[in-house]
Amino acid sequence: MTDAQAFSLMIVFIIGIAVYAAVVNRKRERKATEDKLKRNYGVPFVNEISHEHLANLKKIIESEDVNINSEVWHDLDMEKVFACLDQSVSAIGEEYFYLTLHKLEKDNDLLKKRGCLAEELKNPDESLDIRKKLCLIKKQRRYTVYQFINTILSAKPGNALFHIFSLWAFIGSIVLLFIAPQIGVPALIAVACINSISYFISKGKIAGYNYSVEVIISWLAAADALKNVNAGGEITKDRILKISKMSDKFAKVRRMSWLFAPQNAVSSIIDIILEYFKFLTHIDIVEFNFLIKHLSGHRAELDALYREMGELETGIIIAGIRAFGLPVCEPEFVDDICIEAEGIVHPLVKNAVANDVSLHGNVLITGSNASGKSTFLKTVNVNCLLSQTIYTVFAGSYSASHLDIATSFDISDDIVAGDSFYIAEIKRLKKIIDFSSDSDAAVISIDEILKGTNTTERIAASCEILRYLSKSKVLVLAATHDIELTDLLEGEYENYYFTENPDSPDNIFDYKLYKGKNYTGNAIKLLKMHGFPDEIIEKSYKSIEKQRKQ
């Protein structure tokens, strides 16, 4: 065996080892991914979401027509609700689900289709193959998929003709090497030198777009891979068929995946060889120019593909949510402005106490401190939102009209705007009054109305605000400590209350909703339970007794 043959054999052996290692590692990664998908299905809080990532997700709704504003989103702790419910496995699924929770739908057919899709894929084994394909679209922490698209479409890589000429010059020199070696050898060397130098100069113009290209190609590869999936029922298969047909329009883009998103799992000699090939041919720059032109000409199809894949994964997410082990049902929508539910709970409250509600008119909720008034308001509103977005409610049964949502819960002063707590509160209430006039049907929830001012003016103004709101086509839910309002609004608002558990020696709350009025208070009891000095407790009770005698 000659030295040249031995060297060639060694090169082949090394390449073979590298390929084998890549294949083994790839299989190991796929097995780990499959195990993770099985382990995490139907588990709340399965995805870790950082503040930076949430800030990035908020960019998705900036250019969208949404009807859940930032105030309602904040009041209902929807960032936490989203983090709890998010079962997504891909960047598109996560982004689309976040957007979905900001859009109250009044199209019953669309909502029912989401519910049917979830039912078709409720068996995790049935959806596993789909989720494995969607995993190709890796989640991003700093950018959204749409940002990657816009980044690529804004690129200006320069004239492609020079790079096409460089490619053909290299091919020509290779052909010449076999036809006329005495000319081909120097020609190949010259072309290789010129192409390598010009490549490094030109590559800088597109280097910053490489990752964006990888993300888009991974997305298109996932869309194409779905055509081989046989899962679910009629709705699932129809959506996968639509996705497959849409992905066919980008078949020419996928052909360059070996240039921008290599499938080998480890850095290896294959990558090095591929890099040298790019230097000599400029083929990745040529294809990058084609990519921009092709995506620009098919932007509408790209947007449609994003929506279809988003809806597909949203169906899987809903199926995962319904497997949490909490009471869940599909909503029934009626014409009357009302909310009726049996066993309704909040998804964030561990071991939540279920309540039955039948709200056909405006409601005043009174009760002791920390007895459950605010949580109840959030429970009703969160489920109202979920019913009109993911067609799923955390209750035994749920019937309501399509309702817009407005809230006034977690108000704080605004140092930047120079607004005190009270000013911030009345600005929110003015928005709610305007909202009530514009809405055809809505639920308006107010927690501790006008608590930023004195008792006398608070009761008088609160009464008139609530009375004014009752004239609109809205369902008003107001929680208050001002028991006087129950008498002033008698006949205009139904009365409900929360209280301590009378059967508990420590007066622990039972968190149950009762019909009627509650005249008891527990503010001083809570001070005692939290270890305040006896002197404070005793003198507080004496002060109350003194006021009663006056």
Protein backbone atom coordinates (compact mmCIF):
# COMPACT_ATOMS: atom_id res chain seq x y z
CA MET A 1 0.00 0.00 0.00
CA THR A 2 1.41 3.35 -1.03
CA ASP A 3 1.63 6.34 1.29
CA ALA A 4 -1.07 8.13 -0.75
CA GLN A 5 -3.41 5.16 -0.42
CA ALA A 6 -2.76 4.91 3.31
CA PHE A 7 -3.43 8.61 3.73
CA SER A 8 -6.65 8.36 1.72
CA LEU A 9 -7.77 5.38 3.79
CA MET A 10 -7.09 7.29 7.01
CA ILE A 11 -9.13 10.26 5.77
CA VAL A 12 -12.03 7.95 4.85
CA PHE A 13 -11.79 6.27 8.27
CA ILE A 14 -11.85 9.60 10.14
CA ILE A 15 -14.81 10.82 8.11
CA GLY A 16 -16.61 7.54 8.78
CA ILE A 17 -16.04 7.86 12.54
CA ALA A 18 -17.28 11.45 12.46
CA VAL A 19 -20.44 10.47 10.57
CA TYR A 20 -21.07 7.53 12.93
CA ALA A 21 -20.64 9.76 16.00
CA ALA A 22 -23.02 12.33 14.51
CA VAL A 23 -25.67 9.67 13.78
CA VAL A 24 -25.41 8.12 17.26
CA ASN A 25 -25.57 11.50 18.95
CA ARG A 26 -28.53 12.49 16.79
CA LYS A 27 -30.42 9.34 17.84
CA ARG A 28 -29.60 10.05 21.48
CA GLU A 29 -30.94 13.61 21.15
CA ARG A 30 -34.15 12.41 19.50
CA LYS A 31 -34.71 9.85 22.28
CA ALA A 32 -34.14 12.52 24.94
CA THR A 33 -36.58 14.86 23.17
CA GLU A 34 -39.24 12.16 22.95
CA ASP A 35 -38.85 11.30 26.64
CA LYS A 36 -39.17 14.98 27.56
CA LEU A 37 -42.32 15.39 25.46
CA LYS A 38 -43.93 12.38 27.15
CA ARG A 39 -42.87 13.51 30.62
CA ASN A 40 -44.08 17.11 30.28
CA TYR A 41 -47.45 16.53 28.64
CA GLY A 42 -50.37 17.65 30.80
CA VAL A 43 -48.11 19.21 33.45
CA PRO A 44 -48.72 22.87 34.46
CA PHE A 45 -45.77 25.28 34.57
CA VAL A 46 -43.77 22.93 32.35
CA ASN A 47 -42.02 25.75 30.46
CA GLU A 48 -39.66 28.15 32.20
CA ILE A 49 -40.31 31.72 31.09
CA SER A 50 -37.91 34.50 32.02
CA HIS A 51 -38.80 38.19 32.31
CA GLU A 52 -36.68 38.85 29.23
CA HIS A 53 -38.59 36.24 27.27
CA LEU A 54 -41.97 37.59 28.37
CA ALA A 55 -40.90 41.07 27.28
CA ASN A 56 -40.06 39.58 23.90
CA LEU A 57 -43.44 37.84 23.63
CA LYS A 58 -45.19 41.15 24.27
CA LYS A 59 -43.79 42.41 20.97
CA ILE A 60 -46.05 39.92 19.20
CA ILE A 61 -49.24 41.81 20.11
CA GLU A 62 -47.91 45.28 19.24
CA SER A 63 -49.01 45.05 15.61
CA GLU A 64 -52.01 42.76 16.19
CA ASP A 65 -55.68 43.60 16.66
CA VAL A 66 -56.26 42.37 20.23
CA ASN A 67 -59.12 43.07 22.64
CA ILE A 68 -57.50 42.14 25.95
CA ASN A 69 -55.65 45.28 26.93
CA SER A 70 -52.58 45.50 29.16
CA GLU A 71 -54.65 46.60 32.18
CA VAL A 72 -56.92 43.54 32.09
CA TRP A 73 -53.91 41.30 31.36
CA HIS A 74 -52.11 42.71 34.42
CA ASP A 75 -55.15 42.68 36.74
CA LEU A 76 -55.87 39.01 35.99
CA ASP A 77 -52.22 37.93 36.45
CA MET A 78 -52.30 36.58 32.92
CA GLU A 79 -48.51 36.35 32.68
CA LYS A 80 -48.69 33.72 35.44
CA VAL A 81 -51.74 32.08 33.87
CA PHE A 82 -49.92 31.88 30.53
CA ALA A 83 -46.85 30.39 32.20
CA CYS A 84 -49.07 27.81 33.92
CA LEU A 85 -51.02 26.81 30.82
CA ASP A 86 -48.28 26.96 28.17
CA GLN A 87 -47.78 23.44 26.77
CA SER A 88 -46.06 24.57 23.59
CA VAL A 89 -43.02 22.77 22.19
CA SER A 90 -42.13 25.18 19.38
CA ALA A 91 -41.46 28.90 18.99
CA ILE A 92 -44.51 29.33 16.77
CA GLY A 93 -46.77 27.43 19.16
CA GLU A 94 -45.64 29.53 22.11
CA GLU A 95 -46.02 32.83 20.25
CA TYR A 96 -49.39 31.95 18.75
CA PHE A 97 -50.78 30.73 22.09
CA TYR A 98 -49.67 33.98 23.75
CA LEU A 99 -51.42 35.93 21.01
CA THR A 100 -54.53 33.73 21.24
CA LEU A 101 -54.97 34.59 24.93
CA HIS A 102 -55.16 38.28 23.94
CA LYS A 103 -58.02 37.78 21.45
CA LEU A 104 -61.58 37.21 22.63
CA GLU A 105 -63.32 35.37 19.80
CA LYS A 106 -67.01 35.73 19.03
CA ASP A 107 -66.87 33.23 16.19
CA ASN A 108 -68.39 30.08 17.69
CA ASP A 109 -67.32 27.93 14.74
CA LEU A 110 -63.65 28.90 15.21
CA LEU A 111 -63.81 28.20 18.94
CA LYS A 112 -65.57 24.88 18.47
CA LYS A 113 -63.00 23.85 15.88
CA ARG A 114 -60.23 24.51 18.42
CA GLY A 115 -62.14 22.37 20.92
CA CYS A 116 -62.67 19.56 18.41
CA LEU A 117 -59.00 19.63 17.43
CA ALA A 118 -58.06 19.30 21.11
CA GLU A 119 -60.45 16.37 21.50
CA GLU A 120 -58.96 14.61 18.47
CA LEU A 121 -55.48 14.96 19.96
CA LYS A 122 -56.27 14.43 23.66
CA ASN A 123 -54.41 11.10 23.60
CA PRO A 124 -50.74 12.13 24.08
CA ASP A 125 -49.56 9.17 22.01
CA GLU A 126 -51.75 10.44 19.17
CA SER A 127 -50.13 13.87 19.17
CA LEU A 128 -46.56 12.75 19.95
CA ASP A 129 -45.48 12.46 16.33
CA ILE A 130 -46.78 15.97 15.59
CA ARG A 131 -45.01 17.40 18.63
CA LYS A 132 -41.75 15.73 17.62
CA LYS A 133 -41.92 17.47 14.24
CA LEU A 134 -42.84 20.84 15.78
CA CYS A 135 -39.81 20.60 18.08
CA LEU A 136 -37.66 21.41 15.06
CA ILE A 137 -38.80 25.03 15.49
CA LYS A 138 -36.73 25.74 18.57
CA LYS A 139 -37.97 28.34 21.02
CA GLN A 140 -36.19 31.68 21.03
CA ARG A 141 -35.47 33.83 24.04
CA ARG A 142 -34.70 37.21 22.47
CA TYR A 143 -36.59 37.26 19.18
CA THR A 144 -39.86 36.04 17.71
CA VAL A 145 -40.18 34.08 14.49
CA TYR A 146 -41.75 37.13 12.86
CA GLN A 147 -38.73 39.22 13.87
CA PHE A 148 -36.48 36.68 12.16
CA ILE A 149 -38.61 36.90 9.00
CA ASN A 150 -38.50 40.70 8.97
CA THR A 151 -34.76 40.63 9.62
CA ILE A 152 -34.14 38.44 6.57
CA LEU A 153 -36.45 40.42 4.32
CA SER A 154 -34.65 43.63 5.27
CA ALA A 155 -31.24 42.24 4.25
CA LYS A 156 -29.34 43.81 1.36
CA PRO A 157 -26.59 41.34 0.44
CA GLY A 158 -25.57 43.09 -2.77
CA ASN A 159 -25.40 41.97 -6.38
CA ALA A 160 -25.77 38.21 -6.81
CA LEU A 161 -24.25 38.11 -10.31
CA PHE A 162 -20.66 38.23 -9.04
CA HIS A 163 -21.27 35.29 -6.72
CA ILE A 164 -23.02 33.30 -9.46
CA PHE A 165 -20.02 33.96 -11.69
CA SER A 166 -17.68 32.80 -8.87
CA LEU A 167 -19.64 29.56 -8.56
CA TRP A 168 -19.51 28.83 -12.29
CA ALA A 169 -15.83 29.79 -12.45
CA PHE A 170 -15.03 27.16 -9.85
CA ILE A 171 -17.14 24.52 -11.65
CA GLY A 172 -15.45 25.46 -14.94
CA SER A 173 -11.97 25.12 -13.46
CA ILE A 174 -12.84 21.64 -12.13
CA VAL A 175 -14.03 20.58 -15.60
CA LEU A 176 -10.93 22.08 -17.16
CA LEU A 177 -8.78 20.12 -14.69
CA PHE A 178 -9.90 16.90 -16.33
CA ILE A 179 -9.90 18.15 -19.91
CA ALA A 180 -6.61 20.05 -19.89
CA PRO A 181 -4.75 19.54 -16.59
CA GLN A 182 -1.87 21.83 -17.59
CA ILE A 183 -4.37 24.72 -17.76
CA GLY A 184 -6.88 23.42 -15.22
CA VAL A 185 -4.47 23.22 -12.27
CA PRO A 186 -3.32 26.86 -12.35
CA ALA A 187 -6.89 27.95 -13.20
CA LEU A 188 -8.28 26.05 -10.19
CA ILE A 189 -5.64 27.54 -7.89
CA ALA A 190 -6.32 31.05 -9.17
CA VAL A 191 -10.12 30.70 -8.88
CA ALA A 192 -9.80 29.16 -5.40
CA CYS A 193 -7.66 32.09 -4.18
CA ILE A 194 -9.87 34.77 -5.72
CA ASN A 195 -13.08 33.12 -4.52
CA SER A 196 -11.78 32.62 -0.98
CA ILE A 197 -10.64 36.23 -0.62
CA SER A 198 -13.83 37.69 -2.13
CA TYR A 199 -15.91 35.29 -0.01
CA PHE A 200 -14.48 36.64 3.23
CA ILE A 201 -15.16 40.18 2.05
CA SER A 202 -18.75 39.45 1.01
CA LYS A 203 -19.64 37.01 3.79
CA GLY A 204 -19.60 39.82 6.33
CA LYS A 205 -22.68 41.33 4.70
CA ILE A 206 -24.83 38.26 5.42
CA ALA A 207 -23.09 36.75 8.46
CA GLY A 208 -25.53 38.44 10.82
CA TYR A 209 -28.47 36.77 9.07
CA ASN A 210 -27.25 33.17 9.36
CA TYR A 211 -29.20 32.34 12.50
CA SER A 212 -32.37 33.95 11.13
CA VAL A 213 -32.04 31.76 8.05
CA GLU A 214 -31.57 28.65 10.21
CA VAL A 215 -34.76 29.47 12.17
CA ILE A 216 -36.84 29.95 9.00
CA ILE A 217 -35.49 26.81 7.35
CA SER A 218 -36.11 24.77 10.52
CA TRP A 219 -39.69 26.08 10.50
CA LEU A 220 -40.21 25.11 6.85
CA ALA A 221 -38.58 21.72 7.46
CA ALA A 222 -41.03 21.07 10.33
CA ALA A 223 -43.96 22.06 8.11
CA ASP A 224 -42.77 19.67 5.40
CA ALA A 225 -42.18 16.85 7.90
CA LEU A 226 -45.81 17.04 9.05
CA LYS A 227 -47.02 15.64 5.72
CA ASN A 228 -45.79 12.21 6.88
CA VAL A 229 -47.85 12.32 10.08
CA ASN A 230 -51.02 10.26 10.38
CA ALA A 231 -52.73 11.37 13.57
CA GLY A 232 -56.02 12.71 14.86
CA GLY A 233 -59.33 12.91 13.10
CA GLU A 234 -60.81 14.87 10.23
CA ILE A 235 -59.97 18.36 11.53
CA THR A 236 -56.38 17.41 12.35
CA LYS A 237 -55.79 15.76 8.99
CA ASP A 238 -57.37 18.68 7.15
CA ARG A 239 -55.10 21.18 8.91
CA ILE A 240 -51.99 19.07 8.30
CA LEU A 241 -52.97 18.80 4.63
CA LYS A 242 -53.25 22.60 4.41
CA ILE A 243 -49.85 22.99 6.05
CA SER A 244 -48.30 20.47 3.66
CA LYS A 245 -49.68 22.24 0.59
CA MET A 246 -48.44 25.60 1.89
CA SER A 247 -45.00 24.19 2.63
CA ASP A 248 -44.71 22.93 -0.96
CA LYS A 249 -44.45 26.56 -2.07
CA PHE A 250 -41.18 26.77 -0.16
CA ALA A 251 -39.62 23.53 -1.41
CA LYS A 252 -36.90 25.52 -3.19
CA VAL A 253 -35.99 27.21 0.09
CA ARG A 254 -35.71 23.90 1.95
CA ARG A 255 -33.21 22.59 -0.55
CA MET A 256 -30.58 24.91 0.94
CA SER A 257 -30.98 23.55 4.47
CA TRP A 258 -27.66 21.70 4.18
CA LEU A 259 -25.99 25.08 3.74
CA PHE A 260 -27.56 26.99 6.63
CA ALA A 261 -28.85 24.37 9.07
CA PRO A 262 -26.60 21.26 8.92
CA GLN A 263 -28.25 18.19 10.39
CA ASN A 264 -25.16 16.70 12.03
CA ALA A 265 -25.40 17.05 15.76
CA VAL A 266 -21.73 17.71 16.57
CA SER A 267 -19.10 19.95 15.08
CA SER A 268 -17.10 17.63 12.85
CA ILE A 269 -14.91 17.32 9.82
CA ILE A 270 -18.08 17.44 7.72
CA ASP A 271 -18.67 21.02 8.87
CA ILE A 272 -15.09 21.96 8.05
CA ILE A 273 -15.35 20.46 4.57
CA LEU A 274 -18.66 22.27 4.04
CA GLU A 275 -17.09 25.59 5.06
CA TYR A 276 -14.24 25.16 2.57
CA PHE A 277 -16.79 24.32 -0.11
CA LYS A 278 -18.61 27.60 0.63
CA PHE A 279 -15.33 29.55 0.39
CA LEU A 280 -14.63 28.14 -3.02
CA THR A 281 -18.09 28.33 -4.55
CA HIS A 282 -19.97 31.21 -2.83
CA ILE A 283 -22.99 28.91 -3.01
CA ASP A 284 -24.44 30.01 0.36
CA ILE A 285 -24.35 33.68 -0.72
CA VAL A 286 -26.02 32.78 -4.02
CA GLU A 287 -28.74 30.86 -2.20
CA PHE A 288 -29.16 33.64 0.38
CA ASN A 289 -30.01 36.07 -2.42
CA PHE A 290 -32.53 33.57 -3.76
CA LEU A 291 -33.99 33.12 -0.26
CA ILE A 292 -34.71 36.83 0.18
CA LYS A 293 -36.32 37.09 -3.24
CA HIS A 294 -38.45 33.97 -2.74
CA LEU A 295 -39.68 34.86 0.76
CA SER A 296 -40.44 38.44 -0.29
CA GLY A 297 -42.59 37.14 -3.13
CA HIS A 298 -44.49 34.73 -0.86
CA ARG A 299 -44.94 36.77 2.33
CA ALA A 300 -48.72 36.23 2.39
CA GLU A 301 -48.27 32.45 2.14
CA LEU A 302 -45.64 32.60 4.89
CA ASP A 303 -48.08 34.42 7.18
CA ALA A 304 -50.82 31.90 6.41
CA LEU A 305 -48.46 29.00 7.15
CA TYR A 306 -47.58 30.60 10.50
CA ARG A 307 -51.27 30.84 11.44
CA GLU A 308 -52.09 27.28 10.38
CA MET A 309 -49.19 25.81 12.34
CA GLY A 310 -50.06 28.05 15.28
CA GLU A 311 -53.65 26.79 15.30
CA LEU A 312 -52.46 23.18 15.05
CA GLU A 313 -50.21 23.50 18.08
CA THR A 314 -52.82 25.51 19.98
CA GLY A 315 -55.12 22.50 19.66
CA ILE A 316 -52.41 20.30 21.18
CA ILE A 317 -51.80 22.87 23.93
CA ILE A 318 -55.51 22.90 24.81
CA ALA A 319 -55.50 19.10 24.95
CA GLY A 320 -52.54 19.25 27.37
CA ILE A 321 -54.32 21.85 29.53
CA ARG A 322 -57.38 19.64 29.76
CA ALA A 323 -55.12 16.86 31.09
CA PHE A 324 -53.96 18.87 34.14
CA GLY A 325 -56.30 16.97 36.44
CA LEU A 326 -58.43 20.04 37.21
CA PRO A 327 -62.18 20.21 36.52
CA VAL A 328 -62.58 21.37 32.91
CA CYS A 329 -65.45 21.75 30.47
CA GLU A 330 -66.26 23.38 27.17
CA PRO A 331 -68.34 26.55 27.41
CA GLU A 332 -71.89 26.97 26.18
CA PHE A 333 -72.61 30.41 24.71
CA VAL A 334 -76.05 31.99 25.13
CA ASP A 335 -77.63 35.30 24.10
CA ASP A 336 -78.48 36.65 27.55
CA ILE A 337 -75.84 38.67 29.39
CA CYS A 338 -75.04 36.24 32.17
CA ILE A 339 -72.49 33.82 33.64
CA GLU A 340 -73.54 30.49 35.07
CA ALA A 341 -71.05 27.90 36.28
CA GLU A 342 -70.84 24.87 38.52
CA GLY A 343 -67.67 24.13 40.44
CA ILE A 344 -65.62 26.98 38.93
CA VAL A 345 -61.97 27.26 40.08
CA HIS A 346 -58.85 29.29 39.35
CA PRO A 347 -56.02 27.37 37.60
CA LEU A 348 -53.31 29.07 39.69
CA VAL A 349 -54.87 28.30 43.10
CA LYS A 350 -53.65 25.01 44.55
CA ASN A 351 -56.48 22.87 45.94
CA ALA A 352 -58.92 25.62 44.98
CA VAL A 353 -62.37 25.63 46.56
CA ALA A 354 -64.97 25.31 43.80
CA ASN A 355 -67.93 27.68 43.71
CA ASP A 356 -71.25 27.66 41.88
CA VAL A 357 -72.36 30.93 40.34
CA SER A 358 -75.52 32.16 38.68
CA LEU A 359 -74.96 35.77 37.68
CA HIS A 360 -77.85 37.25 35.70
CA GLY A 361 -77.61 40.75 37.12
CA ASN A 362 -75.17 43.10 38.75
CA VAL A 363 -73.53 41.86 41.93
CA LEU A 364 -72.06 43.36 45.10
CA ILE A 365 -69.68 41.07 46.98
CA THR A 366 -68.91 41.85 50.60
CA GLY A 367 -66.99 39.90 53.20
CA SER A 368 -64.10 39.64 55.56
CA ASN A 369 -60.53 40.49 54.67
CA ALA A 370 -58.67 37.69 52.84
CA SER A 371 -61.86 35.64 52.63
CA GLY A 372 -61.73 35.20 48.85
CA LYS A 373 -63.47 38.20 47.23
CA SER A 374 -60.60 39.23 44.94
CA THR A 375 -59.73 35.64 44.04
CA PHE A 376 -63.36 35.01 43.12
CA LEU A 377 -63.44 38.03 40.80
CA LYS A 378 -60.25 36.83 39.11
CA THR A 379 -61.61 33.28 38.87
CA VAL A 380 -64.73 34.42 37.01
CA ASN A 381 -62.83 36.76 34.70
CA VAL A 382 -59.97 34.37 33.88
CA ASN A 383 -62.43 31.64 32.97
CA CYS A 384 -64.52 34.10 30.96
CA LEU A 385 -61.37 34.95 29.02
CA LEU A 386 -60.35 31.30 28.53
CA SER A 387 -63.83 30.35 27.35
CA GLN A 388 -63.54 32.82 24.46
CA THR A 389 -59.93 32.05 23.55
CA ILE A 390 -59.15 28.37 24.10
CA TYR A 391 -62.75 27.12 24.45
CA THR A 392 -61.92 25.62 27.83
CA VAL A 393 -63.15 26.56 31.32
CA PHE A 394 -61.95 25.32 34.71
CA ALA A 395 -65.37 24.28 35.96
CA GLY A 396 -67.83 21.40 35.93
CA SER A 397 -70.11 23.36 33.60
CA TYR A 398 -70.12 26.88 32.21
CA SER A 399 -72.72 28.90 30.30
CA ALA A 400 -72.38 32.57 29.39
CA SER A 401 -72.72 35.11 26.66
CA HIS A 402 -69.78 36.41 24.63
CA LEU A 403 -68.50 39.14 26.93
CA ASP A 404 -65.89 41.84 26.61
CA ILE A 405 -63.81 42.26 29.76
CA ALA A 406 -62.85 45.34 31.78
CA THR A 407 -61.29 45.35 35.25
CA SER A 408 -60.13 47.65 38.03
CA PHE A 409 -58.11 45.58 40.48
CA ASP A 410 -54.44 46.19 41.03
CA ILE A 411 -54.18 49.99 40.81
CA SER A 412 -50.97 51.77 41.81
CA ASP A 413 -49.77 55.34 41.76
CA ASP A 414 -47.81 56.51 38.72
CA ILE A 415 -44.70 58.44 39.71
CA VAL A 416 -43.73 59.20 36.11
CA ALA A 417 -47.14 60.67 35.25
CA GLY A 418 -47.38 62.34 38.66
CA ASP A 419 -50.64 60.53 39.49
CA SER A 420 -51.49 59.68 43.09
CA PHE A 421 -53.22 56.40 43.88
CA TYR A 422 -56.62 58.06 43.84
CA ILE A 423 -55.99 59.84 40.52
CA ALA A 424 -54.78 56.59 38.96
CA GLU A 425 -57.92 54.86 40.24
CA ILE A 426 -60.40 57.41 38.91
CA LYS A 427 -58.66 57.43 35.53
CA ARG A 428 -59.19 53.66 35.34
CA LEU A 429 -62.85 54.02 36.38
CA LYS A 430 -63.39 56.69 33.72
CA LYS A 431 -62.04 54.28 31.10
CA ILE A 432 -64.46 51.65 32.37
CA ILE A 433 -67.40 54.06 32.13
CA ASP A 434 -66.46 54.88 28.52
CA PHE A 435 -65.98 51.16 27.83
CA SER A 436 -69.46 50.34 29.19
CA SER A 437 -71.04 52.80 26.78
CA ASP A 438 -69.26 51.31 23.75
CA SER A 439 -69.70 47.60 24.52
CA ASP A 440 -72.69 45.53 23.45
CA ALA A 441 -72.09 42.95 26.18
CA ALA A 442 -69.38 42.92 28.84
CA VAL A 443 -68.39 41.85 32.32
CA ILE A 444 -66.94 44.69 34.41
CA SER A 445 -65.21 43.77 37.64
CA ILE A 446 -64.12 46.29 40.28
CA ASP A 447 -62.26 45.38 43.45
CA GLU A 448 -62.58 47.84 46.35
CA ILE A 449 -63.98 50.80 44.43
CA LEU A 450 -62.49 54.22 45.31
CA LYS A 451 -60.51 52.89 48.25
CA GLY A 452 -58.05 55.76 47.78
CA THR A 453 -60.31 58.39 49.41
CA ASN A 454 -62.26 59.07 52.62
CA THR A 455 -65.22 56.93 53.69
CA THR A 456 -68.01 59.51 53.25
CA GLU A 457 -67.10 60.55 49.72
CA ARG A 458 -66.14 57.01 48.74
CA ILE A 459 -69.57 55.57 49.58
CA ALA A 460 -71.46 58.42 47.89
CA ALA A 461 -69.39 58.37 44.70
CA SER A 462 -69.14 54.57 44.55
CA CYS A 463 -72.92 54.27 44.76
CA GLU A 464 -73.47 56.61 41.83
CA ILE A 465 -70.71 55.06 39.68
CA LEU A 466 -72.13 51.57 40.20
CA ARG A 467 -75.65 52.84 39.58
CA TYR A 468 -74.53 54.50 36.33
CA LEU A 469 -72.79 51.33 35.14
CA SER A 470 -75.92 49.27 35.80
CA LYS A 471 -77.72 51.18 33.05
CA SER A 472 -75.43 49.76 30.34
CA LYS A 473 -75.42 46.34 28.69
CA VAL A 474 -72.90 45.00 31.16
CA LEU A 475 -72.64 42.59 34.04
CA VAL A 476 -71.02 44.43 36.95
CA LEU A 477 -69.19 42.49 39.68
CA ALA A 478 -68.00 44.74 42.51
CA ALA A 479 -66.23 43.66 45.69
CA THR A 480 -66.35 46.10 48.61
CA HIS A 481 -65.89 46.50 52.36
CA ASP A 482 -68.51 49.25 52.39
CA ILE A 483 -71.54 47.36 53.64
CA GLU A 484 -73.56 50.59 53.29
CA LEU A 485 -73.57 50.08 49.52
CA THR A 486 -75.70 46.95 49.87
CA ASP A 487 -78.53 49.09 51.27
CA LEU A 488 -78.05 52.04 48.94
CA LEU A 489 -78.13 49.78 45.86
CA GLU A 490 -80.89 47.50 47.09
CA GLY A 491 -82.87 46.17 44.13
CA GLU A 492 -80.20 47.23 41.64
CA TYR A 493 -77.44 44.81 42.73
CA GLU A 494 -77.68 41.27 44.08
CA ASN A 495 -75.71 40.67 47.27
CA TYR A 496 -73.19 37.91 47.88
CA TYR A 497 -70.51 37.50 50.51
CA PHE A 498 -67.54 35.49 51.74
CA THR A 499 -66.86 34.84 55.41
CA GLU A 500 -64.92 32.70 57.90
CA ASN A 501 -65.77 29.06 58.36
CA PRO A 502 -68.16 29.03 61.34
CA ASP A 503 -67.23 25.41 62.11
CA SER A 504 -63.53 26.17 62.47
CA PRO A 505 -62.18 27.16 65.91
CA ASP A 506 -59.59 29.41 64.28
CA ASN A 507 -62.12 31.04 61.95
CA ILE A 508 -60.23 29.76 58.91
CA PHE A 509 -61.95 30.83 55.70
CA ASP A 510 -63.98 28.35 53.70
CA TYR A 511 -63.75 30.47 50.51
CA LYS A 512 -67.37 29.68 49.64
CA LEU A 513 -69.68 32.21 48.04
CA TYR A 514 -72.92 32.85 49.95
CA LYS A 515 -75.99 34.80 48.90
CA GLY A 516 -76.92 37.76 51.05
CA LYS A 517 -75.10 40.41 53.10
CA ASN A 518 -72.22 40.03 55.52
CA TYR A 519 -71.99 42.45 58.44
CA THR A 520 -69.00 40.92 60.21
CA GLY A 521 -65.41 42.10 60.03
CA ASN A 522 -62.17 40.35 60.81
CA ALA A 523 -59.48 43.01 60.40
CA ILE A 524 -58.57 42.97 64.11
CA LYS A 525 -58.79 39.16 64.25
CA LEU A 526 -56.21 38.96 61.48
CA LEU A 527 -53.91 41.33 63.38
CA LYS A 528 -54.08 38.97 66.33
CA MET A 529 -53.51 35.88 64.18
CA HIS A 530 -50.35 37.50 62.76
CA GLY A 531 -48.85 38.21 66.16
CA PHE A 532 -49.54 41.89 66.75
CA PRO A 533 -49.08 43.03 70.40
CA ASP A 534 -52.06 42.40 72.69
CA GLU A 535 -52.17 46.11 73.56
CA ILE A 536 -53.05 46.97 69.94
CA ILE A 537 -55.72 44.28 69.79
CA GLU A 538 -57.40 45.19 73.09
CA LYS A 539 -57.47 48.94 72.48
CA SER A 540 -58.81 48.40 68.93
CA TYR A 541 -61.77 46.43 70.29
CA LYS A 542 -62.40 49.07 72.97
CA SER A 543 -62.39 51.79 70.31
CA ILE A 544 -64.99 49.91 68.28
CA GLU A 545 -67.19 49.42 71.36
CA LYS A 546 -66.94 53.13 72.16
CA GLN A 547 -68.01 54.11 68.64
CA ARG A 548 -71.04 51.81 68.84
CA LYS A 549 -72.24 53.47 72.05
CA GLN A 550 -72.03 56.98 70.58
